[in-house]
Amino acid sequence: MAQVESAAESLTRRAYAQLRQDIIEGTLQPGSKLKIQELTKAYSTGASPIREALSHLASDRLVNRIEGRGFRVSDVSREEFLDLLRVRIWVEGKALAESIAIADPAWEDAVLSTNFRLAQSARSTREDRFEPNADWEDKHKRFHMALIEGCRSPIAIRICDQLYDQNIRYRKIAGPVAYPGRNVANEHDAIAQAALARDAEKAVRLLQEHYASTADYVRDCLPPAD
């Protein structure tokens, strides 16, 4: 029998989701102090769910717990971003290769369908200037997670999910970018085609190049470590 979620757990989960989204989107700025009393008012919930949510976010490395001084939003730096990129390439490369080695019909369908839906969504909500499209962002994550979810490792999938969100946080902090000269949809198609053709070496290489191209735009917009 499935365990029924308690009211306290539901409040914590909601506070966690809201805080996490605001940190990733940059609404809560890097280094800003997270005061429990202020957060209870901002998120219309009690102090206990906020504290629990902040503890979970500290495990996700989106929040720092400072002994005796409460919580702060994790800082960002160029060096940490590049380290994040390296780790992401290592973990997702292995997970993608494993997914290709297994390559069951459910994984194939997921890669095909998520890439198709992503291609139907525009990156910008406007044609005259670039404004990020939240629908595209959601479908973009679904596609990248679909690529690696065939590896059948819940731990690896969870790590990839966390790394993806940390990378998005850096992209948001760097500011909206239209990536002139790139055709991101073609890059996604090439990765998907190589994966579905069971060419793990090519698929992993294309994924690495895809991430490195984005990193080139983001890196120079970030501050160096203190």
N, C-alpha and C. Protein backbone atom coordinates (compact mmCIF):
# COMPACT_ATOMS: atom_id res chain seq x y z
N MET A 1 0.84 -1.20 0.00
CA MET A 1 0.00 0.00 0.00
C MET A 1 0.88 1.25 0.00
N ALA A 2 0.58 2.18 -0.88
CA ALA A 2 1.38 3.39 -0.96
C ALA A 2 1.20 4.23 0.31
N GLN A 3 2.30 4.80 0.78
CA GLN A 3 2.25 5.62 1.97
C GLN A 3 1.65 6.98 1.64
N VAL A 4 0.70 7.41 2.45
CA VAL A 4 0.04 8.69 2.23
C VAL A 4 0.94 9.80 2.74
N GLU A 5 1.14 10.83 1.94
CA GLU A 5 1.99 11.95 2.33
C GLU A 5 1.29 12.76 3.42
N SER A 6 2.04 13.07 4.49
CA SER A 6 1.47 13.85 5.57
C SER A 6 1.37 15.31 5.16
N ALA A 7 0.58 16.07 5.93
CA ALA A 7 0.42 17.49 5.65
C ALA A 7 1.76 18.21 5.76
N ALA A 8 2.56 17.84 6.78
CA ALA A 8 3.86 18.48 6.97
C ALA A 8 4.79 18.19 5.80
N GLU A 9 4.78 16.95 5.32
CA GLU A 9 5.62 16.58 4.17
C GLU A 9 5.19 17.34 2.93
N SER A 10 3.89 17.51 2.76
CA SER A 10 3.38 18.25 1.60
C SER A 10 3.82 19.70 1.63
N LEU A 11 3.78 20.33 2.81
CA LEU A 11 4.21 21.71 2.95
C LEU A 11 5.69 21.86 2.68
N THR A 12 6.48 20.90 3.18
CA THR A 12 7.92 20.93 2.94
C THR A 12 8.23 20.77 1.46
N ARG A 13 7.53 19.84 0.81
CA ARG A 13 7.76 19.60 -0.61
C ARG A 13 7.42 20.84 -1.44
N ARG A 14 6.32 21.50 -1.07
CA ARG A 14 5.92 22.71 -1.79
C ARG A 14 6.94 23.84 -1.59
N ALA A 15 7.37 24.03 -0.33
CA ALA A 15 8.36 25.07 -0.04
C ALA A 15 9.67 24.79 -0.76
N TYR A 16 10.06 23.52 -0.78
CA TYR A 16 11.29 23.12 -1.46
C TYR A 16 11.20 23.44 -2.95
N ALA A 17 10.09 23.08 -3.57
CA ALA A 17 9.92 23.31 -5.02
C ALA A 17 9.94 24.80 -5.34
N GLN A 18 9.28 25.61 -4.51
CA GLN A 18 9.23 27.05 -4.77
C GLN A 18 10.59 27.71 -4.58
N LEU A 19 11.26 27.36 -3.49
CA LEU A 19 12.59 27.93 -3.24
C LEU A 19 13.59 27.49 -4.31
N ARG A 20 13.53 26.24 -4.66
CA ARG A 20 14.45 25.70 -5.67
C ARG A 20 14.26 26.41 -7.00
N GLN A 21 13.02 26.61 -7.40
CA GLN A 21 12.74 27.30 -8.65
C GLN A 21 13.25 28.72 -8.62
N ASP A 22 13.04 29.41 -7.50
CA ASP A 22 13.47 30.80 -7.41
C ASP A 22 14.99 30.93 -7.38
N ILE A 23 15.68 29.94 -6.83
CA ILE A 23 17.14 29.96 -6.86
C ILE A 23 17.65 29.70 -8.27
N ILE A 24 17.08 28.71 -8.94
CA ILE A 24 17.50 28.37 -10.30
C ILE A 24 17.21 29.52 -11.26
N GLU A 25 16.06 30.17 -11.10
CA GLU A 25 15.68 31.27 -11.98
C GLU A 25 16.44 32.55 -11.68
N GLY A 26 17.11 32.60 -10.51
CA GLY A 26 17.85 33.80 -10.16
C GLY A 26 17.04 34.83 -9.40
N THR A 27 15.79 34.49 -9.08
CA THR A 27 14.98 35.40 -8.27
C THR A 27 15.63 35.61 -6.90
N LEU A 28 16.15 34.52 -6.33
CA LEU A 28 16.96 34.59 -5.12
C LEU A 28 18.42 34.60 -5.57
N GLN A 29 19.08 35.72 -5.37
CA GLN A 29 20.41 35.94 -5.94
C GLN A 29 21.50 35.17 -5.20
N PRO A 30 22.57 34.77 -5.91
CA PRO A 30 23.70 34.10 -5.27
C PRO A 30 24.25 34.91 -4.10
N GLY A 31 24.48 34.22 -2.99
CA GLY A 31 25.05 34.87 -1.81
C GLY A 31 24.04 35.54 -0.91
N SER A 32 22.79 35.66 -1.34
CA SER A 32 21.81 36.35 -0.52
C SER A 32 21.43 35.51 0.70
N LYS A 33 21.22 36.19 1.82
CA LYS A 33 20.88 35.51 3.06
C LYS A 33 19.43 35.09 3.03
N LEU A 34 19.17 33.88 3.51
CA LEU A 34 17.82 33.34 3.51
C LEU A 34 17.30 33.35 4.94
N LYS A 35 16.54 34.39 5.27
CA LYS A 35 16.01 34.56 6.62
C LYS A 35 14.68 33.84 6.76
N ILE A 36 14.60 32.96 7.75
CA ILE A 36 13.42 32.12 7.92
C ILE A 36 12.15 32.95 8.02
N GLN A 37 12.17 34.00 8.85
CA GLN A 37 10.98 34.82 9.05
C GLN A 37 10.50 35.46 7.76
N GLU A 38 11.44 35.96 6.96
CA GLU A 38 11.06 36.58 5.69
C GLU A 38 10.51 35.55 4.71
N LEU A 39 11.13 34.37 4.72
CA LEU A 39 10.69 33.32 3.79
C LEU A 39 9.31 32.79 4.14
N THR A 40 8.99 32.71 5.42
CA THR A 40 7.65 32.23 5.79
C THR A 40 6.57 33.17 5.25
N LYS A 41 6.85 34.46 5.23
CA LYS A 41 5.89 35.42 4.68
C LYS A 41 5.84 35.35 3.16
N ALA A 42 7.03 35.25 2.54
CA ALA A 42 7.10 35.24 1.08
C ALA A 42 6.44 34.00 0.48
N TYR A 43 6.54 32.86 1.19
CA TYR A 43 6.02 31.61 0.64
C TYR A 43 4.79 31.11 1.37
N SER A 44 4.26 31.94 2.26
CA SER A 44 3.01 31.66 2.96
C SER A 44 2.98 30.27 3.59
N THR A 45 4.01 29.98 4.38
CA THR A 45 4.09 28.70 5.06
C THR A 45 4.82 28.87 6.38
N GLY A 46 4.88 27.81 7.16
CA GLY A 46 5.49 27.89 8.48
C GLY A 46 6.99 27.77 8.46
N ALA A 47 7.59 28.01 9.61
CA ALA A 47 9.05 27.99 9.72
C ALA A 47 9.61 26.58 9.54
N SER A 48 8.92 25.57 10.06
CA SER A 48 9.43 24.19 9.97
C SER A 48 9.57 23.71 8.53
N PRO A 49 8.53 23.88 7.68
CA PRO A 49 8.70 23.48 6.28
C PRO A 49 9.82 24.23 5.57
N ILE A 50 10.00 25.52 5.92
CA ILE A 50 11.08 26.31 5.30
C ILE A 50 12.43 25.74 5.70
N ARG A 51 12.62 25.46 6.99
CA ARG A 51 13.90 24.91 7.46
C ARG A 51 14.19 23.57 6.80
N GLU A 52 13.17 22.71 6.73
CA GLU A 52 13.36 21.41 6.09
C GLU A 52 13.72 21.58 4.62
N ALA A 53 13.03 22.48 3.94
CA ALA A 53 13.30 22.73 2.53
C ALA A 53 14.72 23.24 2.32
N LEU A 54 15.17 24.13 3.18
CA LEU A 54 16.52 24.67 3.06
C LEU A 54 17.57 23.59 3.30
N SER A 55 17.28 22.67 4.20
CA SER A 55 18.21 21.55 4.43
C SER A 55 18.33 20.68 3.19
N HIS A 56 17.19 20.42 2.54
CA HIS A 56 17.21 19.63 1.30
C HIS A 56 17.99 20.38 0.20
N LEU A 57 17.80 21.68 0.13
CA LEU A 57 18.48 22.47 -0.89
C LEU A 57 19.98 22.54 -0.62
N ALA A 58 20.36 22.47 0.64
CA ALA A 58 21.79 22.40 0.97
C ALA A 58 22.39 21.11 0.44
N SER A 59 21.63 20.01 0.51
CA SER A 59 22.09 18.73 -0.06
C SER A 59 22.23 18.82 -1.57
N ASP A 60 21.41 19.65 -2.19
CA ASP A 60 21.48 19.86 -3.64
C ASP A 60 22.57 20.86 -4.03
N ARG A 61 23.25 21.45 -3.06
CA ARG A 61 24.31 22.43 -3.27
C ARG A 61 23.78 23.74 -3.87
N LEU A 62 22.49 23.99 -3.68
CA LEU A 62 21.92 25.26 -4.11
C LEU A 62 21.89 26.27 -2.97
N VAL A 63 22.05 25.76 -1.75
CA VAL A 63 22.05 26.58 -0.54
C VAL A 63 23.24 26.17 0.32
N ASN A 64 23.83 27.15 0.99
CA ASN A 64 24.90 26.87 1.95
C ASN A 64 24.38 27.07 3.36
N ARG A 65 24.65 26.08 4.22
CA ARG A 65 24.32 26.22 5.64
C ARG A 65 25.56 26.75 6.34
N ILE A 66 25.46 27.91 6.96
CA ILE A 66 26.59 28.52 7.64
C ILE A 66 26.37 28.35 9.14
N GLU A 67 27.29 27.62 9.78
CA GLU A 67 27.14 27.28 11.18
C GLU A 67 26.91 28.53 12.04
N GLY A 68 25.78 28.51 12.74
CA GLY A 68 25.45 29.61 13.64
C GLY A 68 24.97 30.87 12.94
N ARG A 69 24.90 30.84 11.61
CA ARG A 69 24.52 32.06 10.87
C ARG A 69 23.40 31.81 9.86
N GLY A 70 22.83 30.63 9.88
CA GLY A 70 21.70 30.34 9.01
C GLY A 70 22.08 29.88 7.62
N PHE A 71 21.30 30.27 6.63
CA PHE A 71 21.45 29.80 5.26
C PHE A 71 21.67 30.96 4.30
N ARG A 72 22.41 30.68 3.25
CA ARG A 72 22.59 31.62 2.15
C ARG A 72 22.46 30.87 0.82
N VAL A 73 22.02 31.58 -0.21
CA VAL A 73 22.02 31.00 -1.55
C VAL A 73 23.48 30.78 -1.96
N SER A 74 23.77 29.63 -2.52
CA SER A 74 25.14 29.31 -2.91
C SER A 74 25.69 30.33 -3.90
N ASP A 75 26.94 30.70 -3.70
CA ASP A 75 27.60 31.62 -4.62
C ASP A 75 27.90 30.91 -5.94
N VAL A 76 28.25 31.70 -6.95
CA VAL A 76 28.63 31.15 -8.25
C VAL A 76 30.00 31.70 -8.63
N SER A 77 30.70 30.97 -9.49
CA SER A 77 31.99 31.45 -9.99
C SER A 77 32.28 30.74 -11.31
N ARG A 78 33.15 31.33 -12.08
CA ARG A 78 33.56 30.74 -13.35
C ARG A 78 34.20 29.37 -13.13
N GLU A 79 35.02 29.28 -12.08
CA GLU A 79 35.73 28.01 -11.82
C GLU A 79 34.75 26.91 -11.45
N GLU A 80 33.75 27.24 -10.63
CA GLU A 80 32.78 26.21 -10.25
C GLU A 80 31.95 25.79 -11.47
N PHE A 81 31.61 26.75 -12.33
CA PHE A 81 30.84 26.41 -13.52
C PHE A 81 31.61 25.43 -14.41
N LEU A 82 32.91 25.67 -14.60
CA LEU A 82 33.72 24.78 -15.44
C LEU A 82 33.87 23.41 -14.79
N ASP A 83 33.96 23.37 -13.47
CA ASP A 83 34.01 22.09 -12.78
C ASP A 83 32.68 21.35 -12.94
N LEU A 84 31.58 22.09 -12.82
CA LEU A 84 30.26 21.51 -13.04
C LEU A 84 30.15 20.93 -14.44
N LEU A 85 30.67 21.66 -15.42
CA LEU A 85 30.64 21.18 -16.80
C LEU A 85 31.40 19.87 -16.96
N ARG A 86 32.59 19.81 -16.35
CA ARG A 86 33.38 18.58 -16.45
C ARG A 86 32.65 17.39 -15.84
N VAL A 87 32.09 17.59 -14.66
CA VAL A 87 31.39 16.50 -13.98
C VAL A 87 30.16 16.08 -14.77
N ARG A 88 29.45 17.08 -15.30
CA ARG A 88 28.25 16.77 -16.08
C ARG A 88 28.59 15.94 -17.31
N ILE A 89 29.67 16.28 -17.97
CA ILE A 89 30.08 15.52 -19.15
C ILE A 89 30.47 14.10 -18.77
N TRP A 90 31.18 13.94 -17.67
CA TRP A 90 31.57 12.59 -17.22
C TRP A 90 30.32 11.74 -16.94
N VAL A 91 29.44 12.28 -16.10
CA VAL A 91 28.30 11.48 -15.63
C VAL A 91 27.30 11.24 -16.76
N GLU A 92 26.93 12.28 -17.48
CA GLU A 92 25.94 12.11 -18.55
C GLU A 92 26.49 11.30 -19.71
N GLY A 93 27.79 11.45 -19.98
CA GLY A 93 28.40 10.65 -21.05
C GLY A 93 28.29 9.16 -20.75
N LYS A 94 28.59 8.79 -19.51
CA LYS A 94 28.49 7.39 -19.11
C LYS A 94 27.04 6.92 -19.12
N ALA A 95 26.14 7.75 -18.60
CA ALA A 95 24.73 7.36 -18.56
C ALA A 95 24.14 7.23 -19.97
N LEU A 96 24.55 8.12 -20.88
CA LEU A 96 24.08 8.03 -22.27
C LEU A 96 24.60 6.77 -22.93
N ALA A 97 25.88 6.46 -22.73
CA ALA A 97 26.45 5.25 -23.31
C ALA A 97 25.73 4.00 -22.79
N GLU A 98 25.42 3.99 -21.50
CA GLU A 98 24.69 2.85 -20.92
C GLU A 98 23.28 2.76 -21.49
N SER A 99 22.63 3.89 -21.67
CA SER A 99 21.29 3.90 -22.25
C SER A 99 21.29 3.34 -23.67
N ILE A 100 22.31 3.70 -24.44
CA ILE A 100 22.43 3.20 -25.81
C ILE A 100 22.71 1.71 -25.82
N ALA A 101 23.53 1.24 -24.88
CA ALA A 101 23.83 -0.20 -24.81
C ALA A 101 22.58 -1.01 -24.50
N ILE A 102 21.70 -0.47 -23.67
CA ILE A 102 20.46 -1.18 -23.32
C ILE A 102 19.41 -0.96 -24.41
N ALA A 103 19.17 0.30 -24.74
CA ALA A 103 18.31 0.72 -25.86
C ALA A 103 17.02 -0.07 -25.99
N ASP A 104 16.19 -0.03 -24.95
CA ASP A 104 14.90 -0.72 -25.07
C ASP A 104 13.89 0.20 -25.77
N PRO A 105 12.75 -0.37 -26.21
CA PRO A 105 11.77 0.42 -26.96
C PRO A 105 11.26 1.65 -26.20
N ALA A 106 11.09 1.53 -24.88
CA ALA A 106 10.59 2.66 -24.10
C ALA A 106 11.56 3.84 -24.16
N TRP A 107 12.86 3.53 -24.09
CA TRP A 107 13.87 4.60 -24.17
C TRP A 107 13.86 5.23 -25.56
N GLU A 108 13.80 4.40 -26.60
CA GLU A 108 13.75 4.93 -27.97
C GLU A 108 12.56 5.86 -28.16
N ASP A 109 11.39 5.43 -27.69
CA ASP A 109 10.19 6.24 -27.83
C ASP A 109 10.34 7.57 -27.09
N ALA A 110 10.95 7.52 -25.91
CA ALA A 110 11.11 8.73 -25.12
C ALA A 110 12.05 9.72 -25.82
N VAL A 111 13.14 9.23 -26.37
CA VAL A 111 14.08 10.11 -27.08
C VAL A 111 13.41 10.73 -28.30
N LEU A 112 12.70 9.92 -29.07
CA LEU A 112 12.02 10.42 -30.26
C LEU A 112 10.96 11.46 -29.92
N SER A 113 10.11 11.14 -28.94
CA SER A 113 8.97 12.01 -28.63
C SER A 113 9.42 13.31 -27.98
N THR A 114 10.39 13.24 -27.07
CA THR A 114 10.83 14.48 -26.42
C THR A 114 11.57 15.39 -27.38
N ASN A 115 12.34 14.82 -28.30
CA ASN A 115 13.03 15.65 -29.29
C ASN A 115 12.03 16.27 -30.26
N PHE A 116 11.01 15.52 -30.64
CA PHE A 116 9.98 16.06 -31.54
C PHE A 116 9.25 17.22 -30.87
N ARG A 117 8.83 17.05 -29.61
CA ARG A 117 8.10 18.11 -28.92
C ARG A 117 8.98 19.33 -28.70
N LEU A 118 10.26 19.10 -28.42
CA LEU A 118 11.19 20.22 -28.24
C LEU A 118 11.31 21.02 -29.53
N ALA A 119 11.38 20.32 -30.65
CA ALA A 119 11.53 21.00 -31.94
C ALA A 119 10.30 21.83 -32.29
N GLN A 120 9.15 21.50 -31.72
CA GLN A 120 7.92 22.25 -31.99
C GLN A 120 7.81 23.52 -31.16
N SER A 121 8.71 23.69 -30.19
CA SER A 121 8.65 24.84 -29.29
C SER A 121 9.77 25.82 -29.62
N ALA A 122 9.45 27.10 -29.65
CA ALA A 122 10.46 28.13 -29.95
C ALA A 122 11.25 28.47 -28.68
N ARG A 123 12.54 28.77 -28.85
CA ARG A 123 13.36 29.15 -27.69
C ARG A 123 12.95 30.53 -27.16
N SER A 124 12.46 31.38 -28.02
CA SER A 124 12.07 32.73 -27.62
C SER A 124 10.57 32.93 -27.80
N THR A 125 9.99 33.69 -26.90
CA THR A 125 8.57 34.00 -27.02
C THR A 125 8.30 35.16 -27.97
N ARG A 126 9.37 35.84 -28.42
CA ARG A 126 9.23 36.98 -29.33
C ARG A 126 10.16 36.79 -30.53
N GLU A 127 9.79 37.41 -31.64
CA GLU A 127 10.62 37.35 -32.84
C GLU A 127 11.55 38.55 -32.95
N ASP A 128 11.15 39.68 -32.37
CA ASP A 128 11.96 40.89 -32.51
C ASP A 128 13.13 40.95 -31.54
N ARG A 129 13.03 40.23 -30.43
CA ARG A 129 14.15 40.14 -29.47
C ARG A 129 14.03 38.83 -28.70
N PHE A 130 15.15 38.43 -28.11
CA PHE A 130 15.15 37.13 -27.44
C PHE A 130 14.57 37.24 -26.04
N GLU A 131 13.53 36.47 -25.79
CA GLU A 131 12.95 36.32 -24.47
C GLU A 131 12.74 34.83 -24.23
N PRO A 132 13.40 34.26 -23.20
CA PRO A 132 13.34 32.81 -22.96
C PRO A 132 11.91 32.30 -22.84
N ASN A 133 11.68 31.16 -23.46
CA ASN A 133 10.37 30.52 -23.45
C ASN A 133 10.38 29.40 -22.40
N ALA A 134 9.57 29.54 -21.35
CA ALA A 134 9.53 28.55 -20.27
C ALA A 134 9.12 27.17 -20.78
N ASP A 135 8.23 27.15 -21.80
CA ASP A 135 7.81 25.86 -22.36
C ASP A 135 8.98 25.16 -23.03
N TRP A 136 9.82 25.92 -23.75
CA TRP A 136 11.01 25.34 -24.38
C TRP A 136 11.96 24.81 -23.31
N GLU A 137 12.14 25.57 -22.25
CA GLU A 137 13.05 25.15 -21.18
C GLU A 137 12.60 23.82 -20.57
N ASP A 138 11.30 23.69 -20.34
CA ASP A 138 10.77 22.45 -19.78
C ASP A 138 10.99 21.28 -20.73
N LYS A 139 10.72 21.49 -22.01
CA LYS A 139 10.89 20.41 -22.99
C LYS A 139 12.35 20.09 -23.23
N HIS A 140 13.19 21.11 -23.09
CA HIS A 140 14.64 20.90 -23.24
C HIS A 140 15.15 19.95 -22.16
N LYS A 141 14.73 20.18 -20.93
CA LYS A 141 15.16 19.28 -19.85
C LYS A 141 14.61 17.88 -20.08
N ARG A 142 13.38 17.76 -20.50
CA ARG A 142 12.78 16.44 -20.73
C ARG A 142 13.58 15.67 -21.77
N PHE A 143 14.03 16.37 -22.82
CA PHE A 143 14.81 15.70 -23.86
C PHE A 143 16.14 15.21 -23.31
N HIS A 144 16.87 16.08 -22.62
CA HIS A 144 18.18 15.68 -22.11
C HIS A 144 18.08 14.58 -21.06
N MET A 145 17.05 14.62 -20.25
CA MET A 145 16.87 13.54 -19.27
C MET A 145 16.46 12.25 -19.95
N ALA A 146 15.66 12.33 -21.01
CA ALA A 146 15.26 11.12 -21.74
C ALA A 146 16.48 10.40 -22.32
N LEU A 147 17.46 11.16 -22.76
CA LEU A 147 18.67 10.55 -23.34
C LEU A 147 19.37 9.62 -22.36
N ILE A 148 19.36 9.98 -21.07
CA ILE A 148 20.16 9.23 -20.11
C ILE A 148 19.33 8.32 -19.21
N GLU A 149 18.00 8.45 -19.26
CA GLU A 149 17.18 7.69 -18.33
C GLU A 149 17.10 6.20 -18.66
N GLY A 150 17.59 5.81 -19.84
CA GLY A 150 17.63 4.39 -20.18
C GLY A 150 18.75 3.63 -19.49
N CYS A 151 19.60 4.33 -18.74
CA CYS A 151 20.73 3.66 -18.08
C CYS A 151 20.30 2.80 -16.91
N ARG A 152 19.07 3.00 -16.44
CA ARG A 152 18.47 2.21 -15.36
C ARG A 152 19.20 2.35 -14.03
N SER A 153 19.82 3.48 -13.82
CA SER A 153 20.47 3.75 -12.53
C SER A 153 19.78 4.94 -11.89
N PRO A 154 18.92 4.72 -10.90
CA PRO A 154 18.24 5.83 -10.24
C PRO A 154 19.21 6.86 -9.65
N ILE A 155 20.35 6.40 -9.15
CA ILE A 155 21.32 7.32 -8.56
C ILE A 155 21.91 8.22 -9.64
N ALA A 156 22.32 7.63 -10.77
CA ALA A 156 22.89 8.41 -11.86
C ALA A 156 21.87 9.40 -12.42
N ILE A 157 20.63 8.96 -12.54
CA ILE A 157 19.57 9.83 -13.07
C ILE A 157 19.34 11.00 -12.13
N ARG A 158 19.33 10.74 -10.83
CA ARG A 158 19.13 11.82 -9.86
C ARG A 158 20.28 12.82 -9.92
N ILE A 159 21.51 12.32 -10.04
CA ILE A 159 22.67 13.21 -10.13
C ILE A 159 22.59 14.05 -11.39
N CYS A 160 22.21 13.44 -12.51
CA CYS A 160 22.08 14.18 -13.77
C CYS A 160 21.01 15.25 -13.67
N ASP A 161 19.92 14.95 -12.99
CA ASP A 161 18.85 15.91 -12.79
C ASP A 161 19.37 17.12 -12.00
N GLN A 162 20.12 16.87 -10.94
CA GLN A 162 20.68 17.95 -10.13
C GLN A 162 21.69 18.77 -10.93
N LEU A 163 22.55 18.10 -11.68
CA LEU A 163 23.55 18.80 -12.48
C LEU A 163 22.88 19.67 -13.55
N TYR A 164 21.81 19.16 -14.13
CA TYR A 164 21.09 19.95 -15.14
C TYR A 164 20.58 21.25 -14.52
N ASP A 165 19.94 21.14 -13.36
CA ASP A 165 19.36 22.32 -12.73
C ASP A 165 20.44 23.32 -12.31
N GLN A 166 21.58 22.82 -11.83
CA GLN A 166 22.68 23.72 -11.47
C GLN A 166 23.21 24.44 -12.71
N ASN A 167 23.26 23.73 -13.83
CA ASN A 167 23.70 24.36 -15.07
C ASN A 167 22.71 25.43 -15.54
N ILE A 168 21.42 25.13 -15.42
CA ILE A 168 20.40 26.12 -15.80
C ILE A 168 20.52 27.36 -14.93
N ARG A 169 20.82 27.17 -13.66
CA ARG A 169 21.01 28.32 -12.78
C ARG A 169 22.12 29.21 -13.30
N TYR A 170 23.22 28.62 -13.74
CA TYR A 170 24.31 29.42 -14.28
C TYR A 170 23.90 30.12 -15.57
N ARG A 171 23.13 29.43 -16.41
CA ARG A 171 22.65 30.07 -17.64
C ARG A 171 21.78 31.28 -17.33
N LYS A 172 20.91 31.14 -16.33
CA LYS A 172 20.02 32.24 -15.96
C LYS A 172 20.82 33.42 -15.41
N ILE A 173 21.83 33.13 -14.60
CA ILE A 173 22.65 34.19 -14.02
C ILE A 173 23.43 34.92 -15.11
N ALA A 174 23.90 34.17 -16.10
CA ALA A 174 24.65 34.78 -17.20
C ALA A 174 23.78 35.68 -18.05
N GLY A 175 22.46 35.45 -18.01
CA GLY A 175 21.55 36.29 -18.77
C GLY A 175 21.01 35.57 -19.99
N PRO A 176 19.91 36.06 -20.56
CA PRO A 176 19.32 35.43 -21.75
C PRO A 176 20.25 35.52 -22.95
N VAL A 177 20.46 34.39 -23.61
CA VAL A 177 21.37 34.33 -24.75
C VAL A 177 20.67 33.66 -25.92
N ALA A 178 20.77 34.27 -27.09
CA ALA A 178 20.13 33.71 -28.28
C ALA A 178 21.04 32.76 -29.04
N TYR A 179 22.33 32.68 -28.65
CA TYR A 179 23.32 31.83 -29.32
C TYR A 179 23.39 32.09 -30.82
N PRO A 180 23.75 33.30 -31.23
CA PRO A 180 23.83 33.60 -32.67
C PRO A 180 24.84 32.69 -33.35
N GLY A 181 24.48 32.22 -34.54
CA GLY A 181 25.39 31.35 -35.28
C GLY A 181 25.22 29.88 -34.99
N ARG A 182 24.42 29.55 -33.98
CA ARG A 182 24.17 28.15 -33.65
C ARG A 182 22.76 27.75 -34.06
N ASN A 183 22.62 26.49 -34.44
CA ASN A 183 21.30 25.93 -34.65
C ASN A 183 21.13 24.84 -33.60
N VAL A 184 20.57 25.22 -32.46
CA VAL A 184 20.47 24.31 -31.33
C VAL A 184 19.57 23.11 -31.66
N ALA A 185 18.53 23.35 -32.44
CA ALA A 185 17.63 22.25 -32.81
C ALA A 185 18.37 21.19 -33.63
N ASN A 186 19.25 21.62 -34.54
CA ASN A 186 20.04 20.67 -35.32
C ASN A 186 21.00 19.89 -34.43
N GLU A 187 21.54 20.56 -33.41
CA GLU A 187 22.42 19.86 -32.47
C GLU A 187 21.66 18.76 -31.73
N HIS A 188 20.44 19.07 -31.30
CA HIS A 188 19.63 18.06 -30.61
C HIS A 188 19.30 16.90 -31.55
N ASP A 189 18.93 17.23 -32.78
CA ASP A 189 18.63 16.18 -33.76
C ASP A 189 19.82 15.25 -33.97
N ALA A 190 21.00 15.82 -34.09
CA ALA A 190 22.20 15.03 -34.34
C ALA A 190 22.49 14.09 -33.17
N ILE A 191 22.33 14.60 -31.95
CA ILE A 191 22.55 13.76 -30.77
C ILE A 191 21.54 12.61 -30.74
N ALA A 192 20.27 12.94 -30.97
CA ALA A 192 19.22 11.92 -30.96
C ALA A 192 19.45 10.87 -32.03
N GLN A 193 19.81 11.31 -33.24
CA GLN A 193 20.02 10.37 -34.34
C GLN A 193 21.18 9.42 -34.05
N ALA A 194 22.26 9.95 -33.51
CA ALA A 194 23.42 9.11 -33.18
C ALA A 194 23.06 8.11 -32.08
N ALA A 195 22.30 8.58 -31.08
CA ALA A 195 21.90 7.68 -29.99
C ALA A 195 21.01 6.56 -30.51
N LEU A 196 20.03 6.91 -31.33
CA LEU A 196 19.10 5.90 -31.85
C LEU A 196 19.76 4.97 -32.85
N ALA A 197 20.86 5.42 -33.46
CA ALA A 197 21.63 4.57 -34.37
C ALA A 197 22.61 3.67 -33.61
N ARG A 198 22.58 3.75 -32.27
CA ARG A 198 23.45 2.95 -31.39
C ARG A 198 24.93 3.31 -31.54
N ASP A 199 25.20 4.53 -31.97
CA ASP A 199 26.58 4.99 -32.10
C ASP A 199 26.93 5.78 -30.83
N ALA A 200 27.30 5.05 -29.79
CA ALA A 200 27.54 5.67 -28.48
C ALA A 200 28.69 6.66 -28.54
N GLU A 201 29.75 6.32 -29.23
CA GLU A 201 30.92 7.20 -29.28
C GLU A 201 30.55 8.55 -29.90
N LYS A 202 29.80 8.51 -31.01
CA LYS A 202 29.41 9.75 -31.67
C LYS A 202 28.41 10.53 -30.83
N ALA A 203 27.44 9.83 -30.25
CA ALA A 203 26.41 10.50 -29.45
C ALA A 203 27.03 11.21 -28.26
N VAL A 204 27.95 10.56 -27.57
CA VAL A 204 28.60 11.17 -26.41
C VAL A 204 29.45 12.36 -26.84
N ARG A 205 30.15 12.22 -27.97
CA ARG A 205 30.98 13.33 -28.47
C ARG A 205 30.11 14.53 -28.81
N LEU A 206 28.98 14.30 -29.49
CA LEU A 206 28.08 15.39 -29.85
C LEU A 206 27.47 16.05 -28.62
N LEU A 207 27.15 15.24 -27.61
CA LEU A 207 26.61 15.80 -26.37
C LEU A 207 27.65 16.70 -25.69
N GLN A 208 28.89 16.25 -25.66
CA GLN A 208 29.96 17.04 -25.07
C GLN A 208 30.15 18.36 -25.82
N GLU A 209 30.13 18.30 -27.14
CA GLU A 209 30.28 19.51 -27.95
C GLU A 209 29.10 20.47 -27.73
N HIS A 210 27.92 19.90 -27.60
CA HIS A 210 26.71 20.69 -27.35
C HIS A 210 26.85 21.47 -26.05
N TYR A 211 27.29 20.80 -24.99
CA TYR A 211 27.45 21.45 -23.70
C TYR A 211 28.60 22.46 -23.74
N ALA A 212 29.68 22.10 -24.41
CA ALA A 212 30.83 23.00 -24.48
C ALA A 212 30.48 24.29 -25.24
N SER A 213 29.65 24.19 -26.27
CA SER A 213 29.25 25.38 -27.02
C SER A 213 28.46 26.34 -26.14
N THR A 214 27.55 25.80 -25.34
CA THR A 214 26.79 26.64 -24.42
C THR A 214 27.71 27.24 -23.36
N ALA A 215 28.65 26.44 -22.88
CA ALA A 215 29.58 26.91 -21.84
C ALA A 215 30.41 28.09 -22.32
N ASP A 216 30.75 28.10 -23.61
CA ASP A 216 31.55 29.21 -24.15
C ASP A 216 30.82 30.54 -23.99
N TYR A 217 29.48 30.52 -24.13
CA TYR A 217 28.70 31.75 -23.99
C TYR A 217 28.56 32.15 -22.52
N VAL A 218 28.39 31.15 -21.67
CA VAL A 218 28.11 31.41 -20.26
C VAL A 218 29.36 31.82 -19.49
N ARG A 219 30.47 31.15 -19.78
CA ARG A 219 31.70 31.31 -18.97
C ARG A 219 32.13 32.76 -18.79
N ASP A 220 32.18 33.50 -19.89
CA ASP A 220 32.72 34.86 -19.82
C ASP A 220 31.77 35.83 -19.13
N CYS A 221 30.55 35.42 -18.86
CA CYS A 221 29.60 36.29 -18.16
C CYS A 221 29.66 36.09 -16.64
N LEU A 222 30.50 35.14 -16.18
CA LEU A 222 30.53 34.80 -14.76
C LEU A 222 31.74 35.41 -14.08
N PRO A 223 31.62 35.72 -12.78
CA PRO A 223 32.77 36.26 -12.04
C PRO A 223 33.75 35.15 -11.69
N PRO A 224 35.05 35.45 -11.61
CA PRO A 224 36.02 34.46 -11.13
C PRO A 224 35.82 34.24 -9.64
N ALA A 225 36.36 33.13 -9.13
CA ALA A 225 36.26 32.85 -7.70
C ALA A 225 37.05 33.89 -6.92
N ASP A 226 36.58 34.20 -5.72
CA ASP A 226 37.29 35.18 -4.87
C ASP A 226 38.64 34.60 -4.42
